[in-house]
Amino acid sequence: TSLGLAIAATTPALAAEEAPEKTYTVVRQYESFEVR
């Protein structure tokens, strides 16, 4: 929650649009979760 408030206050343009995320590979998909 505190990080989110800091994002909004510090980087308003970025907060409105997702930045690139970590690259990962999905190894297996389960009913309620996935392994990456």
PDB file of all heavy atoms in Angstrom:
ATOM      1  N   THR A   1       0.825  -1.198   0.000  1.00  0.00           N
ATOM      2  CA  THR A   1       0.000   0.000   0.000  1.00  0.00           C
ATOM      3  C   THR A   1       0.860   1.249   0.000  1.00  0.00           C
ATOM      4  O   THR A   1       0.620   2.199  -0.744  1.00  0.00           O
ATOM      5  CB  THR A   1      -0.926   0.005   1.232  1.00  0.00           C
ATOM      6  OG1 THR A   1      -1.699  -1.193   1.218  1.00  0.00           O
ATOM      7  CG2 THR A   1      -1.837   1.198   1.222  1.00  0.00           C
ATOM      8  N   SER A   2       1.885   1.296   0.828  1.00  0.00           N
ATOM      9  CA  SER A   2       2.739   2.471   0.887  1.00  0.00           C
ATOM     10  C   SER A   2       3.501   2.651  -0.411  1.00  0.00           C
ATOM     11  O   SER A   2       3.718   3.765  -0.868  1.00  0.00           O
ATOM     12  CB  SER A   2       3.714   2.362   2.055  1.00  0.00           C
ATOM     13  OG  SER A   2       4.613   1.300   1.885  1.00  0.00           O
ATOM     14  N   LEU A   3       3.894   1.560  -1.037  1.00  0.00           N
ATOM     15  CA  LEU A   3       4.588   1.656  -2.316  1.00  0.00           C
ATOM     16  C   LEU A   3       3.675   2.242  -3.370  1.00  0.00           C
ATOM     17  O   LEU A   3       4.082   3.054  -4.189  1.00  0.00           O
ATOM     18  CB  LEU A   3       5.066   0.272  -2.763  1.00  0.00           C
ATOM     19  CG  LEU A   3       6.238  -0.315  -2.005  1.00  0.00           C
ATOM     20  CD1 LEU A   3       6.548  -1.709  -2.514  1.00  0.00           C
ATOM     21  CD2 LEU A   3       7.461   0.574  -2.127  1.00  0.00           C
ATOM     22  N   GLY A   4       2.419   1.837  -3.330  1.00  0.00           N
ATOM     23  CA  GLY A   4       1.489   2.358  -4.312  1.00  0.00           C
ATOM     24  C   GLY A   4       1.288   3.847  -4.166  1.00  0.00           C
ATOM     25  O   GLY A   4       1.217   4.584  -5.147  1.00  0.00           O
ATOM     26  N   LEU A   5       1.197   4.309  -2.934  1.00  0.00           N
ATOM     27  CA  LEU A   5       1.064   5.741  -2.698  1.00  0.00           C
ATOM     28  C   LEU A   5       2.287   6.482  -3.193  1.00  0.00           C
ATOM     29  O   LEU A   5       2.189   7.578  -3.756  1.00  0.00           O
ATOM     30  CB  LEU A   5       0.845   6.000  -1.209  1.00  0.00           C
ATOM     31  CG  LEU A   5      -0.468   5.468  -0.635  1.00  0.00           C
ATOM     32  CD1 LEU A   5      -0.474   5.631   0.874  1.00  0.00           C
ATOM     33  CD2 LEU A   5      -1.657   6.184  -1.255  1.00  0.00           C
ATOM     34  N   ALA A   6       3.458   5.887  -3.011  1.00  0.00           N
ATOM     35  CA  ALA A   6       4.677   6.523  -3.477  1.00  0.00           C
ATOM     36  C   ALA A   6       4.728   6.567  -4.991  1.00  0.00           C
ATOM     37  O   ALA A   6       5.190   7.545  -5.581  1.00  0.00           O
ATOM     38  CB  ALA A   6       5.898   5.760  -2.945  1.00  0.00           C
ATOM     39  N   ILE A   7       4.250   5.512  -5.657  1.00  0.00           N
ATOM     40  CA  ILE A   7       4.215   5.513  -7.119  1.00  0.00           C
ATOM     41  C   ILE A   7       3.354   6.649  -7.618  1.00  0.00           C
ATOM     42  O   ILE A   7       3.724   7.403  -8.507  1.00  0.00           O
ATOM     43  CB  ILE A   7       3.663   4.174  -7.643  1.00  0.00           C
ATOM     44  CG1 ILE A   7       4.668   3.056  -7.382  1.00  0.00           C
ATOM     45  CG2 ILE A   7       3.368   4.250  -9.130  1.00  0.00           C
ATOM     46  CD1 ILE A   7       4.149   1.686  -7.737  1.00  0.00           C
ATOM     47  N   ALA A   8       2.180   6.793  -7.032  1.00  0.00           N
ATOM     48  CA  ALA A   8       1.262   7.827  -7.485  1.00  0.00           C
ATOM     49  C   ALA A   8       1.831   9.212  -7.255  1.00  0.00           C
ATOM     50  O   ALA A   8       1.665  10.117  -8.065  1.00  0.00           O
ATOM     51  CB  ALA A   8      -0.080   7.677  -6.766  1.00  0.00           C
ATOM     52  N   ALA A   9       2.514   9.390  -6.130  1.00  0.00           N
ATOM     53  CA  ALA A   9       3.042  10.709  -5.789  1.00  0.00           C
ATOM     54  C   ALA A   9       4.315  11.034  -6.544  1.00  0.00           C
ATOM     55  O   ALA A   9       4.562  12.184  -6.909  1.00  0.00           O
ATOM     56  CB  ALA A   9       3.313  10.776  -4.279  1.00  0.00           C
ATOM     57  N   THR A  10       5.140  10.033  -6.814  1.00  0.00           N
ATOM     58  CA  THR A  10       6.443  10.282  -7.395  1.00  0.00           C
ATOM     59  C   THR A  10       6.436  10.194  -8.905  1.00  0.00           C
ATOM     60  O   THR A  10       7.133  10.939  -9.582  1.00  0.00           O
ATOM     61  CB  THR A  10       7.462   9.249  -6.855  1.00  0.00           C
ATOM     62  OG1 THR A  10       7.376   9.236  -5.451  1.00  0.00           O
ATOM     63  CG2 THR A  10       8.872   9.604  -7.288  1.00  0.00           C
ATOM     64  N   THR A  11       5.649   9.283  -9.453  1.00  0.00           N
ATOM     65  CA  THR A  11       5.672   9.051 -10.895  1.00  0.00           C
ATOM     66  C   THR A  11       4.256   8.937 -11.440  1.00  0.00           C
ATOM     67  O   THR A  11       3.799   7.871 -11.811  1.00  0.00           O
ATOM     68  CB  THR A  11       6.440   7.765 -11.214  1.00  0.00           C
ATOM     69  OG1 THR A  11       5.808   6.686 -10.518  1.00  0.00           O
ATOM     70  CG2 THR A  11       7.867   7.842 -10.779  1.00  0.00           C
ATOM     71  N   PRO A  12       3.520  10.054 -11.534  1.00  0.00           N
ATOM     72  CA  PRO A  12       2.133   9.988 -11.960  1.00  0.00           C
ATOM     73  C   PRO A  12       1.950   9.411 -13.345  1.00  0.00           C
ATOM     74  O   PRO A  12       0.994   8.701 -13.613  1.00  0.00           O
ATOM     75  CB  PRO A  12       1.678  11.452 -11.889  1.00  0.00           C
ATOM     76  CG  PRO A  12       2.939  12.253 -11.915  1.00  0.00           C
ATOM     77  CD  PRO A  12       3.949  11.413 -11.215  1.00  0.00           C
ATOM     78  N   ALA A  13       2.842   9.711 -14.272  1.00  0.00           N
ATOM     79  CA  ALA A  13       2.700   9.189 -15.628  1.00  0.00           C
ATOM     80  C   ALA A  13       2.872   7.678 -15.633  1.00  0.00           C
ATOM     81  O   ALA A  13       2.150   6.943 -16.305  1.00  0.00           O
ATOM     82  CB  ALA A  13       3.720   9.836 -16.555  1.00  0.00           C
ATOM     83  N   LEU A  14       3.832   7.207 -14.896  1.00  0.00           N
ATOM     84  CA  LEU A  14       4.109   5.776 -14.830  1.00  0.00           C
ATOM     85  C   LEU A  14       2.980   5.052 -14.126  1.00  0.00           C
ATOM     86  O   LEU A  14       2.606   3.954 -14.506  1.00  0.00           O
ATOM     87  CB  LEU A  14       5.413   5.529 -14.084  1.00  0.00           C
ATOM     88  CG  LEU A  14       5.801   4.058 -13.889  1.00  0.00           C
ATOM     89  CD1 LEU A  14       6.024   3.386 -15.231  1.00  0.00           C
ATOM     90  CD2 LEU A  14       7.035   3.953 -13.029  1.00  0.00           C
ATOM     91  N   ALA A  15       2.425   5.671 -13.097  1.00  0.00           N
ATOM     92  CA  ALA A  15       1.386   5.004 -12.332  1.00  0.00           C
ATOM     93  C   ALA A  15       0.158   4.718 -13.165  1.00  0.00           C
ATOM     94  O   ALA A  15      -0.587   3.783 -12.910  1.00  0.00           O
ATOM     95  CB  ALA A  15       1.000   5.863 -11.128  1.00  0.00           C
ATOM     96  N   ALA A  16      -0.076   5.515 -14.192  1.00  0.00           N
ATOM     97  CA  ALA A  16      -1.258   5.335 -15.017  1.00  0.00           C
ATOM     98  C   ALA A  16      -1.062   4.255 -16.060  1.00  0.00           C
ATOM     99  O   ALA A  16      -2.011   3.811 -16.694  1.00  0.00           O
ATOM    100  CB  ALA A  16      -1.613   6.662 -15.701  1.00  0.00           C
ATOM    101  N   GLU A  17       0.156   3.822 -16.285  1.00  0.00           N
ATOM    102  CA  GLU A  17       0.433   2.840 -17.318  1.00  0.00           C
ATOM    103  C   GLU A  17       1.500   1.880 -16.825  1.00  0.00           C
ATOM    104  O   GLU A  17       2.533   2.290 -16.317  1.00  0.00           O
ATOM    105  CB  GLU A  17       0.936   3.554 -18.584  1.00  0.00           C
ATOM    106  CG  GLU A  17       1.238   2.610 -19.736  1.00  0.00           C
ATOM    107  CD  GLU A  17       1.694   3.372 -20.962  1.00  0.00           C
ATOM    108  OE1 GLU A  17       1.534   4.603 -20.988  1.00  0.00           O
ATOM    109  OE2 GLU A  17       2.207   2.732 -21.883  1.00  0.00           O
ATOM    110  N   GLU A  18       1.264   0.587 -16.966  1.00  0.00           N
ATOM    111  CA  GLU A  18       2.202  -0.392 -16.465  1.00  0.00           C
ATOM    112  C   GLU A  18       3.547  -0.296 -17.167  1.00  0.00           C
ATOM    113  O   GLU A  18       3.626  -0.117 -18.368  1.00  0.00           O
ATOM    114  CB  GLU A  18       1.649  -1.809 -16.666  1.00  0.00           C
ATOM    115  CG  GLU A  18       0.627  -2.205 -15.629  1.00  0.00           C
ATOM    116  CD  GLU A  18       0.323  -3.685 -15.682  1.00  0.00           C
ATOM    117  OE1 GLU A  18       1.020  -4.398 -16.425  1.00  0.00           O
ATOM    118  OE2 GLU A  18      -0.605  -4.115 -14.993  1.00  0.00           O
ATOM    119  N   ALA A  19       4.614  -0.414 -16.394  1.00  0.00           N
ATOM    120  CA  ALA A  19       5.950  -0.494 -16.967  1.00  0.00           C
ATOM    121  C   ALA A  19       6.227  -1.949 -17.328  1.00  0.00           C
ATOM    122  O   ALA A  19       5.501  -2.846 -16.913  1.00  0.00           O
ATOM    123  CB  ALA A  19       6.972   0.004 -15.941  1.00  0.00           C
ATOM    124  N   PRO A  20       7.272  -2.206 -18.107  1.00  0.00           N
ATOM    125  CA  PRO A  20       7.597  -3.595 -18.455  1.00  0.00           C
ATOM    126  C   PRO A  20       7.860  -4.414 -17.198  1.00  0.00           C
ATOM    127  O   PRO A  20       8.466  -3.939 -16.260  1.00  0.00           O
ATOM    128  CB  PRO A  20       8.876  -3.448 -19.286  1.00  0.00           C
ATOM    129  CG  PRO A  20       8.840  -2.056 -19.799  1.00  0.00           C
ATOM    130  CD  PRO A  20       8.184  -1.244 -18.717  1.00  0.00           C
ATOM    131  N   GLU A  21       7.390  -5.633 -17.175  1.00  0.00           N
ATOM    132  CA  GLU A  21       7.561  -6.472 -16.007  1.00  0.00           C
ATOM    133  C   GLU A  21       8.683  -7.472 -16.216  1.00  0.00           C
ATOM    134  O   GLU A  21       9.235  -7.598 -17.301  1.00  0.00           O
ATOM    135  CB  GLU A  21       6.266  -7.196 -15.674  1.00  0.00           C
ATOM    136  CG  GLU A  21       5.842  -8.179 -16.751  1.00  0.00           C
ATOM    137  CD  GLU A  21       4.571  -8.907 -16.360  1.00  0.00           C
ATOM    138  OE1 GLU A  21       3.489  -8.366 -16.609  1.00  0.00           O
ATOM    139  OE2 GLU A  21       4.679 -10.025 -15.816  1.00  0.00           O
ATOM    140  N   LYS A  22       9.007  -8.198 -15.154  1.00  0.00           N
ATOM    141  CA  LYS A  22      10.029  -9.226 -15.233  1.00  0.00           C
ATOM    142  C   LYS A  22       9.635 -10.289 -16.256  1.00  0.00           C
ATOM    143  O   LYS A  22       8.488 -10.681 -16.352  1.00  0.00           O
ATOM    144  CB  LYS A  22      10.215  -9.883 -13.868  1.00  0.00           C
ATOM    145  CG  LYS A  22      10.744  -8.965 -12.787  1.00  0.00           C
ATOM    146  CD  LYS A  22      10.842  -9.731 -11.484  1.00  0.00           C
ATOM    147  CE  LYS A  22      11.349  -8.841 -10.366  1.00  0.00           C
ATOM    148  NZ  LYS A  22      11.399  -9.540  -9.080  1.00  0.00           N
ATOM    149  N   THR A  23      10.610 -10.741 -16.989  1.00  0.00           N
ATOM    150  CA  THR A  23      10.361 -11.793 -17.964  1.00  0.00           C
ATOM    151  C   THR A  23      10.369 -13.149 -17.277  1.00  0.00           C
ATOM    152  O   THR A  23      11.275 -13.466 -16.527  1.00  0.00           O
ATOM    153  CB  THR A  23      11.437 -11.771 -19.059  1.00  0.00           C
ATOM    154  OG1 THR A  23      11.426 -10.485 -19.693  1.00  0.00           O
ATOM    155  CG2 THR A  23      11.170 -12.827 -20.111  1.00  0.00           C
ATOM    156  N   TYR A  24       9.358 -13.943 -17.562  1.00  0.00           N
ATOM    157  CA  TYR A  24       9.273 -15.263 -16.964  1.00  0.00           C
ATOM    158  C   TYR A  24       8.648 -16.245 -17.944  1.00  0.00           C
ATOM    159  O   TYR A  24       8.028 -15.869 -18.941  1.00  0.00           O
ATOM    160  CB  TYR A  24       8.465 -15.237 -15.667  1.00  0.00           C
ATOM    161  CG  TYR A  24       7.023 -14.806 -15.825  1.00  0.00           C
ATOM    162  CD1 TYR A  24       6.023 -15.712 -16.214  1.00  0.00           C
ATOM    163  CD2 TYR A  24       6.643 -13.493 -15.577  1.00  0.00           C
ATOM    164  CE1 TYR A  24       4.706 -15.327 -16.356  1.00  0.00           C
ATOM    165  CE2 TYR A  24       5.326 -13.096 -15.719  1.00  0.00           C
ATOM    166  CZ  TYR A  24       4.365 -14.010 -16.107  1.00  0.00           C
ATOM    167  OH  TYR A  24       3.064 -13.605 -16.247  1.00  0.00           O
ATOM    168  N   THR A  25       8.822 -17.525 -17.640  1.00  0.00           N
ATOM    169  CA  THR A  25       8.222 -18.599 -18.416  1.00  0.00           C
ATOM    170  C   THR A  25       7.289 -19.388 -17.512  1.00  0.00           C
ATOM    171  O   THR A  25       7.658 -19.747 -16.396  1.00  0.00           O
ATOM    172  CB  THR A  25       9.304 -19.550 -18.969  1.00  0.00           C
ATOM    173  OG1 THR A  25      10.206 -18.798 -19.793  1.00  0.00           O
ATOM    174  CG2 THR A  25       8.684 -20.667 -19.783  1.00  0.00           C
ATOM    175  N   VAL A  26       6.082 -19.633 -17.972  1.00  0.00           N
ATOM    176  CA  VAL A  26       5.144 -20.441 -17.198  1.00  0.00           C
ATOM    177  C   VAL A  26       5.504 -21.910 -17.392  1.00  0.00           C
ATOM    178  O   VAL A  26       5.465 -22.437 -18.503  1.00  0.00           O
ATOM    179  CB  VAL A  26       3.695 -20.185 -17.625  1.00  0.00           C
ATOM    180  CG1 VAL A  26       2.738 -21.108 -16.861  1.00  0.00           C
ATOM    181  CG2 VAL A  26       3.322 -18.724 -17.392  1.00  0.00           C
ATOM    182  N   VAL A  27       5.871 -22.565 -16.297  1.00  0.00           N
ATOM    183  CA  VAL A  27       6.267 -23.972 -16.340  1.00  0.00           C
ATOM    184  C   VAL A  27       5.049 -24.881 -16.331  1.00  0.00           C
ATOM    185  O   VAL A  27       4.965 -25.853 -17.092  1.00  0.00           O
ATOM    186  CB  VAL A  27       7.175 -24.309 -15.136  1.00  0.00           C
ATOM    187  CG1 VAL A  27       7.528 -25.796 -15.113  1.00  0.00           C
ATOM    188  CG2 VAL A  27       8.435 -23.463 -15.177  1.00  0.00           C
ATOM    189  N   ARG A  28       4.096 -24.553 -15.462  1.00  0.00           N
ATOM    190  CA  ARG A  28       2.884 -25.359 -15.376  1.00  0.00           C
ATOM    191  C   ARG A  28       1.751 -24.547 -14.796  1.00  0.00           C
ATOM    192  O   ARG A  28       1.961 -23.738 -13.895  1.00  0.00           O
ATOM    193  CB  ARG A  28       3.128 -26.606 -14.523  1.00  0.00           C
ATOM    194  CG  ARG A  28       1.939 -27.545 -14.461  1.00  0.00           C
ATOM    195  CD  ARG A  28       2.290 -28.871 -13.818  1.00  0.00           C
ATOM    196  NE  ARG A  28       1.110 -29.738 -13.726  1.00  0.00           N
ATOM    197  CZ  ARG A  28       1.135 -30.972 -13.239  1.00  0.00           C
ATOM    198  NH1 ARG A  28       2.274 -31.494 -12.808  1.00  0.00           N
ATOM    199  NH2 ARG A  28       0.028 -31.689 -13.174  1.00  0.00           N
ATOM    200  N   GLN A  29       0.570 -24.769 -15.323  1.00  0.00           N
ATOM    201  CA  GLN A  29      -0.616 -24.083 -14.845  1.00  0.00           C
ATOM    202  C   GLN A  29      -1.448 -25.041 -13.997  1.00  0.00           C
ATOM    203  O   GLN A  29      -1.823 -26.128 -14.449  1.00  0.00           O
ATOM    204  CB  GLN A  29      -1.447 -23.585 -16.027  1.00  0.00           C
ATOM    205  CG  GLN A  29      -2.655 -22.762 -15.639  1.00  0.00           C
ATOM    206  CD  GLN A  29      -2.258 -21.367 -15.176  1.00  0.00           C
ATOM    207  OE1 GLN A  29      -1.532 -20.656 -15.861  1.00  0.00           O
ATOM    208  NE2 GLN A  29      -2.754 -20.966 -14.004  1.00  0.00           N
ATOM    209  N   TYR A  30      -1.726 -24.643 -12.764  1.00  0.00           N
ATOM    210  CA  TYR A  30      -2.594 -25.417 -11.890  1.00  0.00           C
ATOM    211  C   TYR A  30      -3.938 -24.706 -11.792  1.00  0.00           C
ATOM    212  O   TYR A  30      -4.129 -23.619 -12.347  1.00  0.00           O
ATOM    213  CB  TYR A  30      -1.964 -25.569 -10.510  1.00  0.00           C
ATOM    214  CG  TYR A  30      -0.726 -26.438 -10.489  1.00  0.00           C
ATOM    215  CD1 TYR A  30       0.543 -25.881 -10.734  1.00  0.00           C
ATOM    216  CD2 TYR A  30      -0.809 -27.804 -10.223  1.00  0.00           C
ATOM    217  CE1 TYR A  30       1.681 -26.672 -10.707  1.00  0.00           C
ATOM    218  CE2 TYR A  30       0.334 -28.608 -10.196  1.00  0.00           C
ATOM    219  CZ  TYR A  30       1.567 -28.032 -10.443  1.00  0.00           C
ATOM    220  OH  TYR A  30       2.684 -28.819 -10.430  1.00  0.00           O
ATOM    221  N   GLU A  31      -4.853 -25.301 -11.073  1.00  0.00           N
ATOM    222  CA  GLU A  31      -6.194 -24.731 -10.988  1.00  0.00           C
ATOM    223  C   GLU A  31      -6.193 -23.344 -10.364  1.00  0.00           C
ATOM    224  O   GLU A  31      -6.878 -22.432 -10.849  1.00  0.00           O
ATOM    225  CB  GLU A  31      -7.108 -25.662 -10.187  1.00  0.00           C
ATOM    226  CG  GLU A  31      -8.542 -25.160 -10.091  1.00  0.00           C
ATOM    227  CD  GLU A  31      -9.449 -26.119  -9.339  1.00  0.00           C
ATOM    228  OE1 GLU A  31      -8.967 -27.208  -8.949  1.00  0.00           O
ATOM    229  OE2 GLU A  31     -10.623 -25.777  -9.126  1.00  0.00           O
ATOM    230  N   SER A  32      -5.452 -23.165  -9.285  1.00  0.00           N
ATOM    231  CA  SER A  32      -5.505 -21.899  -8.561  1.00  0.00           C
ATOM    232  C   SER A  32      -4.230 -21.071  -8.667  1.00  0.00           C
ATOM    233  O   SER A  32      -4.199 -19.933  -8.187  1.00  0.00           O
ATOM    234  CB  SER A  32      -5.804 -22.157  -7.075  1.00  0.00           C
ATOM    235  OG  SER A  32      -4.792 -22.981  -6.500  1.00  0.00           O
ATOM    236  N   PHE A  33      -3.184 -21.624  -9.267  1.00  0.00           N
ATOM    237  CA  PHE A  33      -1.919 -20.897  -9.356  1.00  0.00           C
ATOM    238  C   PHE A  33      -1.103 -21.433 -10.528  1.00  0.00           C
ATOM    239  O   PHE A  33      -1.495 -22.402 -11.194  1.00  0.00           O
ATOM    240  CB  PHE A  33      -1.123 -21.032  -8.057  1.00  0.00           C
ATOM    241  CG  PHE A  33      -0.556 -22.414  -7.820  1.00  0.00           C
ATOM    242  CD1 PHE A  33       0.771 -22.706  -8.126  1.00  0.00           C
ATOM    243  CD2 PHE A  33      -1.342 -23.436  -7.291  1.00  0.00           C
ATOM    244  CE1 PHE A  33       1.294 -23.977  -7.910  1.00  0.00           C
ATOM    245  CE2 PHE A  33      -0.827 -24.702  -7.068  1.00  0.00           C
ATOM    246  CZ  PHE A  33       0.496 -24.970  -7.386  1.00  0.00           C
ATOM    247  N   GLU A  34       0.019 -20.783 -10.793  1.00  0.00           N
ATOM    248  CA  GLU A  34       0.930 -21.261 -11.825  1.00  0.00           C
ATOM    249  C   GLU A  34       2.355 -21.238 -11.302  1.00  0.00           C
ATOM    250  O   GLU A  34       2.681 -20.492 -10.369  1.00  0.00           O
ATOM    251  CB  GLU A  34       0.817 -20.423 -13.101  1.00  0.00           C
ATOM    252  CG  GLU A  34       1.251 -18.988 -12.977  1.00  0.00           C
ATOM    253  CD  GLU A  34       1.010 -18.186 -14.257  1.00  0.00           C
ATOM    254  OE1 GLU A  34       0.186 -18.634 -15.093  1.00  0.00           O
ATOM    255  OE2 GLU A  34       1.634 -17.120 -14.419  1.00  0.00           O
ATOM    256  N   VAL A  35       3.196 -22.050 -11.896  1.00  0.00           N
ATOM    257  CA  VAL A  35       4.612 -22.086 -11.552  1.00  0.00           C
ATOM    258  C   VAL A  35       5.374 -21.377 -12.661  1.00  0.00           C
ATOM    259  O   VAL A  35       5.193 -21.685 -13.842  1.00  0.00           O
ATOM    260  CB  VAL A  35       5.113 -23.536 -11.393  1.00  0.00           C
ATOM    261  CG1 VAL A  35       6.623 -23.552 -11.154  1.00  0.00           C
ATOM    262  CG2 VAL A  35       4.397 -24.215 -10.228  1.00  0.00           C
ATOM    263  N   ARG A  36       6.207 -20.428 -12.263  1.00  0.00           N
ATOM    264  CA  ARG A  36       6.972 -19.631 -13.226  1.00  0.00           C
ATOM    265  C   ARG A  36       8.468 -19.777 -12.982  1.00  0.00           C
ATOM    266  O   ARG A  36       8.911 -19.834 -11.833  1.00  0.00           O
ATOM    267  CB  ARG A  36       6.623 -18.141 -13.093  1.00  0.00           C
ATOM    268  CG  ARG A  36       5.185 -17.765 -13.318  1.00  0.00           C
ATOM    269  CD  ARG A  36       4.986 -16.290 -13.033  1.00  0.00           C
ATOM    270  NE  ARG A  36       3.599 -15.875 -13.148  1.00  0.00           N
ATOM    271  CZ  ARG A  36       3.155 -14.672 -12.772  1.00  0.00           C
ATOM    272  NH1 ARG A  36       4.016 -13.796 -12.242  1.00  0.00           N
ATOM    273  NH2 ARG A  36       1.882 -14.358 -12.909  1.00  0.00           N
TER     274      ARG A  36
END
